[in-house]
Amino acid sequence: MSLIMLDLDHFKRINDQHGHAAGDAVLTHVSRLMLATVREADIAARMGGEEFVLLLPQT
């Protein structure tokens, strides 16, 4: 089993310069990319803020 932790660099800058709606759009886009990329058995989740985690069983 593998655990991958992801942190979006400069995410606060997006929120500060472009507003929370833009930040939400970035989070949604990243989430959709992760879900489209991982296997069906994998688990992708947002930990909070700009942090995500992927749990990859059988790796």
PDB file of N, CA and C in Angstrom:
ATOM      1  N   MET A   1       0.848  -1.169   0.000  1.00  0.00           N
ATOM      2  CA  MET A   1       0.000   0.000   0.000  1.00  0.00           C
ATOM      3  C   MET A   1       0.898   1.238   0.000  1.00  0.00           C
ATOM      4  N   SER A   2       0.493   2.206  -0.775  1.00  0.00           N
ATOM      5  CA  SER A   2       1.237   3.471  -0.843  1.00  0.00           C
ATOM      6  C   SER A   2       0.323   4.622  -0.454  1.00  0.00           C
ATOM      7  N   LEU A   3       0.927   5.624   0.131  1.00  0.00           N
ATOM      8  CA  LEU A   3       0.219   6.849   0.493  1.00  0.00           C
ATOM      9  C   LEU A   3       0.974   8.014  -0.142  1.00  0.00           C
ATOM     10  N   ILE A   4       0.275   8.823  -0.903  1.00  0.00           N
ATOM     11  CA  ILE A   4       0.881   9.984  -1.555  1.00  0.00           C
ATOM     12  C   ILE A   4       0.203  11.234  -1.017  1.00  0.00           C
ATOM     13  N   MET A   5       1.001  12.156  -0.531  1.00  0.00           N
ATOM     14  CA  MET A   5       0.465  13.432  -0.055  1.00  0.00           C
ATOM     15  C   MET A   5       0.840  14.516  -1.057  1.00  0.00           C
ATOM     16  N   LEU A   6      -0.143  15.339  -1.420  1.00  0.00           N
ATOM     17  CA  LEU A   6       0.058  16.400  -2.407  1.00  0.00           C
ATOM     18  C   LEU A   6      -0.262  17.746  -1.780  1.00  0.00           C
ATOM     19  N   ASP A   7       0.511  18.748  -2.146  1.00  0.00           N
ATOM     20  CA  ASP A   7       0.286  20.109  -1.681  1.00  0.00           C
ATOM     21  C   ASP A   7       0.360  21.026  -2.898  1.00  0.00           C
ATOM     22  N   LEU A   8      -0.661  21.844  -3.093  1.00  0.00           N
ATOM     23  CA  LEU A   8      -0.678  22.753  -4.242  1.00  0.00           C
ATOM     24  C   LEU A   8       0.147  23.996  -3.919  1.00  0.00           C
ATOM     25  N   ASP A   9       1.257  24.163  -4.609  1.00  0.00           N
ATOM     26  CA  ASP A   9       2.107  25.337  -4.410  1.00  0.00           C
ATOM     27  C   ASP A   9       1.388  26.598  -4.863  1.00  0.00           C
ATOM     28  N   HIS A  10       1.560  27.657  -4.114  1.00  0.00           N
ATOM     29  CA  HIS A  10       1.054  28.992  -4.450  1.00  0.00           C
ATOM     30  C   HIS A  10      -0.471  29.074  -4.498  1.00  0.00           C
ATOM     31  N   PHE A  11      -1.162  28.140  -3.867  1.00  0.00           N
ATOM     32  CA  PHE A  11      -2.623  28.166  -3.896  1.00  0.00           C
ATOM     33  C   PHE A  11      -3.170  29.404  -3.185  1.00  0.00           C
ATOM     34  N   LYS A  12      -2.566  29.796  -2.081  1.00  0.00           N
ATOM     35  CA  LYS A  12      -3.025  30.984  -1.350  1.00  0.00           C
ATOM     36  C   LYS A  12      -2.987  32.221  -2.243  1.00  0.00           C
ATOM     37  N   ARG A  13      -1.979  32.297  -3.084  1.00  0.00           N
ATOM     38  CA  ARG A  13      -1.864  33.430  -3.998  1.00  0.00           C
ATOM     39  C   ARG A  13      -3.067  33.488  -4.958  1.00  0.00           C
ATOM     40  N   ILE A  14      -3.520  32.330  -5.419  1.00  0.00           N
ATOM     41  CA  ILE A  14      -4.694  32.292  -6.307  1.00  0.00           C
ATOM     42  C   ILE A  14      -5.909  32.850  -5.579  1.00  0.00           C
ATOM     43  N   ASN A  15      -6.139  32.384  -4.357  1.00  0.00           N
ATOM     44  CA  ASN A  15      -7.266  32.896  -3.569  1.00  0.00           C
ATOM     45  C   ASN A  15      -7.142  34.397  -3.325  1.00  0.00           C
ATOM     46  N   ASP A  16      -5.959  34.840  -2.963  1.00  0.00           N
ATOM     47  CA  ASP A  16      -5.757  36.254  -2.630  1.00  0.00           C
ATOM     48  C   ASP A  16      -5.895  37.164  -3.848  1.00  0.00           C
ATOM     49  N   GLN A  17      -5.360  36.749  -4.980  1.00  0.00           N
ATOM     50  CA  GLN A  17      -5.350  37.608  -6.166  1.00  0.00           C
ATOM     51  C   GLN A  17      -6.613  37.491  -7.011  1.00  0.00           C
ATOM     52  N   HIS A  18      -7.242  36.323  -7.012  1.00  0.00           N
ATOM     53  CA  HIS A  18      -8.361  36.094  -7.932  1.00  0.00           C
ATOM     54  C   HIS A  18      -9.676  35.785  -7.222  1.00  0.00           C
ATOM     55  N   GLY A  19      -9.643  35.640  -5.910  1.00  0.00           N
ATOM     56  CA  GLY A  19     -10.861  35.386  -5.147  1.00  0.00           C
ATOM     57  C   GLY A  19     -11.100  33.905  -4.889  1.00  0.00           C
ATOM     58  N   HIS A  20     -11.989  33.665  -3.924  1.00  0.00           N
ATOM     59  CA  HIS A  20     -12.253  32.286  -3.505  1.00  0.00           C
ATOM     60  C   HIS A  20     -12.970  31.470  -4.578  1.00  0.00           C
ATOM     61  N   ALA A  21     -13.743  32.110  -5.428  1.00  0.00           N
ATOM     62  CA  ALA A  21     -14.406  31.369  -6.513  1.00  0.00           C
ATOM     63  C   ALA A  21     -13.362  30.764  -7.452  1.00  0.00           C
ATOM     64  N   ALA A  22     -12.306  31.515  -7.738  1.00  0.00           N
ATOM     65  CA  ALA A  22     -11.225  30.993  -8.583  1.00  0.00           C
ATOM     66  C   ALA A  22     -10.491  29.865  -7.863  1.00  0.00           C
ATOM     67  N   GLY A  23     -10.255  30.041  -6.572  1.00  0.00           N
ATOM     68  CA  GLY A  23      -9.611  28.985  -5.790  1.00  0.00           C
ATOM     69  C   GLY A  23     -10.444  27.715  -5.770  1.00  0.00           C
ATOM     70  N   ASP A  24     -11.759  27.869  -5.612  1.00  0.00           N
ATOM     71  CA  ASP A  24     -12.651  26.706  -5.639  1.00  0.00           C
ATOM     72  C   ASP A  24     -12.605  26.013  -6.993  1.00  0.00           C
ATOM     73  N   ALA A  25     -12.525  26.794  -8.062  1.00  0.00           N
ATOM     74  CA  ALA A  25     -12.450  26.216  -9.410  1.00  0.00           C
ATOM     75  C   ALA A  25     -11.161  25.412  -9.576  1.00  0.00           C
ATOM     76  N   VAL A  26     -10.056  25.919  -9.031  1.00  0.00           N
ATOM     77  CA  VAL A  26      -8.779  25.192  -9.098  1.00  0.00           C
ATOM     78  C   VAL A  26      -8.886  23.878  -8.329  1.00  0.00           C
ATOM     79  N   LEU A  27      -9.454  23.923  -7.123  1.00  0.00           N
ATOM     80  CA  LEU A  27      -9.603  22.706  -6.326  1.00  0.00           C
ATOM     81  C   LEU A  27     -10.482  21.680  -7.039  1.00  0.00           C
ATOM     82  N   THR A  28     -11.553  22.141  -7.644  1.00  0.00           N
ATOM     83  CA  THR A  28     -12.443  21.249  -8.388  1.00  0.00           C
ATOM     84  C   THR A  28     -11.708  20.614  -9.560  1.00  0.00           C
ATOM     85  N   HIS A  29     -10.944  21.413 -10.282  1.00  0.00           N
ATOM     86  CA  HIS A  29     -10.197  20.907 -11.438  1.00  0.00           C
ATOM     87  C   HIS A  29      -9.159  19.870 -11.004  1.00  0.00           C
ATOM     88  N   VAL A  30      -8.421  20.171  -9.957  1.00  0.00           N
ATOM     89  CA  VAL A  30      -7.406  19.232  -9.462  1.00  0.00           C
ATOM     90  C   VAL A  30      -8.076  17.938  -9.001  1.00  0.00           C
ATOM     91  N   SER A  31      -9.189  18.048  -8.304  1.00  0.00           N
ATOM     92  CA  SER A  31      -9.908  16.858  -7.835  1.00  0.00           C
ATOM     93  C   SER A  31     -10.358  15.989  -8.999  1.00  0.00           C
ATOM     94  N   ARG A  32     -10.902  16.605 -10.019  1.00  0.00           N
ATOM     95  CA  ARG A  32     -11.356  15.847 -11.191  1.00  0.00           C
ATOM     96  C   ARG A  32     -10.186  15.186 -11.914  1.00  0.00           C
ATOM     97  N   LEU A  33      -9.059  15.886 -12.003  1.00  0.00           N
ATOM     98  CA  LEU A  33      -7.872  15.287 -12.628  1.00  0.00           C
ATOM     99  C   LEU A  33      -7.397  14.061 -11.851  1.00  0.00           C
ATOM    100  N   MET A  34      -7.373  14.180 -10.526  1.00  0.00           N
ATOM    101  CA  MET A  34      -6.936  13.050  -9.710  1.00  0.00           C
ATOM    102  C   MET A  34      -7.881  11.867  -9.874  1.00  0.00           C
ATOM    103  N   LEU A  35      -9.188  12.115  -9.815  1.00  0.00           N
ATOM    104  CA  LEU A  35     -10.151  11.024  -9.939  1.00  0.00           C
ATOM    105  C   LEU A  35     -10.103  10.372 -11.314  1.00  0.00           C
ATOM    106  N   ALA A  36      -9.798  11.139 -12.340  1.00  0.00           N
ATOM    107  CA  ALA A  36      -9.694  10.587 -13.690  1.00  0.00           C
ATOM    108  C   ALA A  36      -8.407   9.785 -13.877  1.00  0.00           C
ATOM    109  N   THR A  37      -7.430  10.014 -13.010  1.00  0.00           N
ATOM    110  CA  THR A  37      -6.112   9.401 -13.163  1.00  0.00           C
ATOM    111  C   THR A  37      -5.939   8.136 -12.328  1.00  0.00           C
ATOM    112  N   VAL A  38      -6.503   8.110 -11.131  1.00  0.00           N
ATOM    113  CA  VAL A  38      -6.280   6.977 -10.233  1.00  0.00           C
ATOM    114  C   VAL A  38      -7.114   5.774 -10.652  1.00  0.00           C
ATOM    115  N   ARG A  39      -6.706   4.623 -10.160  1.00  0.00           N
ATOM    116  CA  ARG A  39      -7.447   3.390 -10.435  1.00  0.00           C
ATOM    117  C   ARG A  39      -8.737   3.361  -9.614  1.00  0.00           C
ATOM    118  N   GLU A  40      -9.636   2.472  -9.975  1.00  0.00           N
ATOM    119  CA  GLU A  40     -10.919   2.371  -9.276  1.00  0.00           C
ATOM    120  C   GLU A  40     -10.735   2.008  -7.805  1.00  0.00           C
ATOM    121  N   ALA A  41      -9.725   1.213  -7.485  1.00  0.00           N
ATOM    122  CA  ALA A  41      -9.475   0.783  -6.108  1.00  0.00           C
ATOM    123  C   ALA A  41      -8.794   1.860  -5.264  1.00  0.00           C
ATOM    124  N   ASP A  42      -8.238   2.875  -5.892  1.00  0.00           N
ATOM    125  CA  ASP A  42      -7.517   3.933  -5.183  1.00  0.00           C
ATOM    126  C   ASP A  42      -8.494   4.909  -4.536  1.00  0.00           C
ATOM    127  N   ILE A  43      -8.015   5.588  -3.526  1.00  0.00           N
ATOM    128  CA  ILE A  43      -8.831   6.578  -2.821  1.00  0.00           C
ATOM    129  C   ILE A  43      -8.129   7.925  -2.902  1.00  0.00           C
ATOM    130  N   ALA A  44      -8.849   8.925  -3.372  1.00  0.00           N
ATOM    131  CA  ALA A  44      -8.338  10.298  -3.434  1.00  0.00           C
ATOM    132  C   ALA A  44      -9.199  11.150  -2.519  1.00  0.00           C
ATOM    133  N   ALA A  45      -8.553  11.987  -1.705  1.00  0.00           N
ATOM    134  CA  ALA A  45      -9.306  12.828  -0.776  1.00  0.00           C
ATOM    135  C   ALA A  45      -8.575  14.144  -0.542  1.00  0.00           C
ATOM    136  N   ARG A  46      -9.340  15.150  -0.226  1.00  0.00           N
ATOM    137  CA  ARG A  46      -8.772  16.439   0.173  1.00  0.00           C
ATOM    138  C   ARG A  46      -8.632  16.418   1.684  1.00  0.00           C
ATOM    139  N   MET A  47      -7.429  16.705   2.163  1.00  0.00           N
ATOM    140  CA  MET A  47      -7.193  16.733   3.604  1.00  0.00           C
ATOM    141  C   MET A  47      -7.631  18.060   4.195  1.00  0.00           C
ATOM    142  N   GLY A  48      -7.532  19.109   3.414  1.00  0.00           N
ATOM    143  CA  GLY A  48      -7.901  20.438   3.885  1.00  0.00           C
ATOM    144  C   GLY A  48      -7.038  21.472   3.204  1.00  0.00           C
ATOM    145  N   GLY A  49      -7.566  22.660   3.088  1.00  0.00           N
ATOM    146  CA  GLY A  49      -6.803  23.726   2.452  1.00  0.00           C
ATOM    147  C   GLY A  49      -6.365  23.329   1.065  1.00  0.00           C
ATOM    148  N   GLU A  50      -5.064  23.235   0.878  1.00  0.00           N
ATOM    149  CA  GLU A  50      -4.485  22.916  -0.429  1.00  0.00           C
ATOM    150  C   GLU A  50      -3.836  21.539  -0.446  1.00  0.00           C
ATOM    151  N   GLU A  51      -4.180  20.700   0.526  1.00  0.00           N
ATOM    152  CA  GLU A  51      -3.544  19.393   0.658  1.00  0.00           C
ATOM    153  C   GLU A  51      -4.497  18.270   0.258  1.00  0.00           C
ATOM    154  N   PHE A  52      -3.949  17.322  -0.506  1.00  0.00           N
ATOM    155  CA  PHE A  52      -4.691  16.147  -0.945  1.00  0.00           C
ATOM    156  C   PHE A  52      -3.901  14.907  -0.568  1.00  0.00           C
ATOM    157  N   VAL A  53      -4.589  13.782  -0.503  1.00  0.00           N
ATOM    158  CA  VAL A  53      -3.936  12.513  -0.217  1.00  0.00           C
ATOM    159  C   VAL A  53      -4.494  11.453  -1.166  1.00  0.00           C
ATOM    160  N   LEU A  54      -3.614  10.569  -1.605  1.00  0.00           N
ATOM    161  CA  LEU A  54      -3.996   9.417  -2.423  1.00  0.00           C
ATOM    162  C   LEU A  54      -3.586   8.160  -1.671  1.00  0.00           C
ATOM    163  N   LEU A  55      -4.510   7.242  -1.516  1.00  0.00           N
ATOM    164  CA  LEU A  55      -4.235   5.951  -0.902  1.00  0.00           C
ATOM    165  C   LEU A  55      -4.317   4.909  -2.011  1.00  0.00           C
ATOM    166  N   LEU A  56      -3.199   4.224  -2.228  1.00  0.00           N
ATOM    167  CA  LEU A  56      -3.081   3.292  -3.353  1.00  0.00           C
ATOM    168  C   LEU A  56      -2.871   1.873  -2.837  1.00  0.00           C
ATOM    169  N   PRO A  57      -3.950   1.107  -2.657  1.00  0.00           N
ATOM    170  CA  PRO A  57      -3.785  -0.268  -2.189  1.00  0.00           C
ATOM    171  C   PRO A  57      -3.135  -1.135  -3.268  1.00  0.00           C
ATOM    172  N   GLN A  58      -2.562  -2.211  -2.849  1.00  0.00           N
ATOM    173  CA  GLN A  58      -1.927  -3.185  -3.746  1.00  0.00           C
ATOM    174  C   GLN A  58      -0.795  -2.569  -4.575  1.00  0.00           C
ATOM    175  N   THR A  59      -0.036  -1.686  -3.956  1.00  0.00           N
ATOM    176  CA  THR A  59       1.135  -1.114  -4.630  1.00  0.00           C
ATOM    177  C   THR A  59       2.370  -1.369  -3.793  1.00  0.00           C
TER     178      THR A  59
END
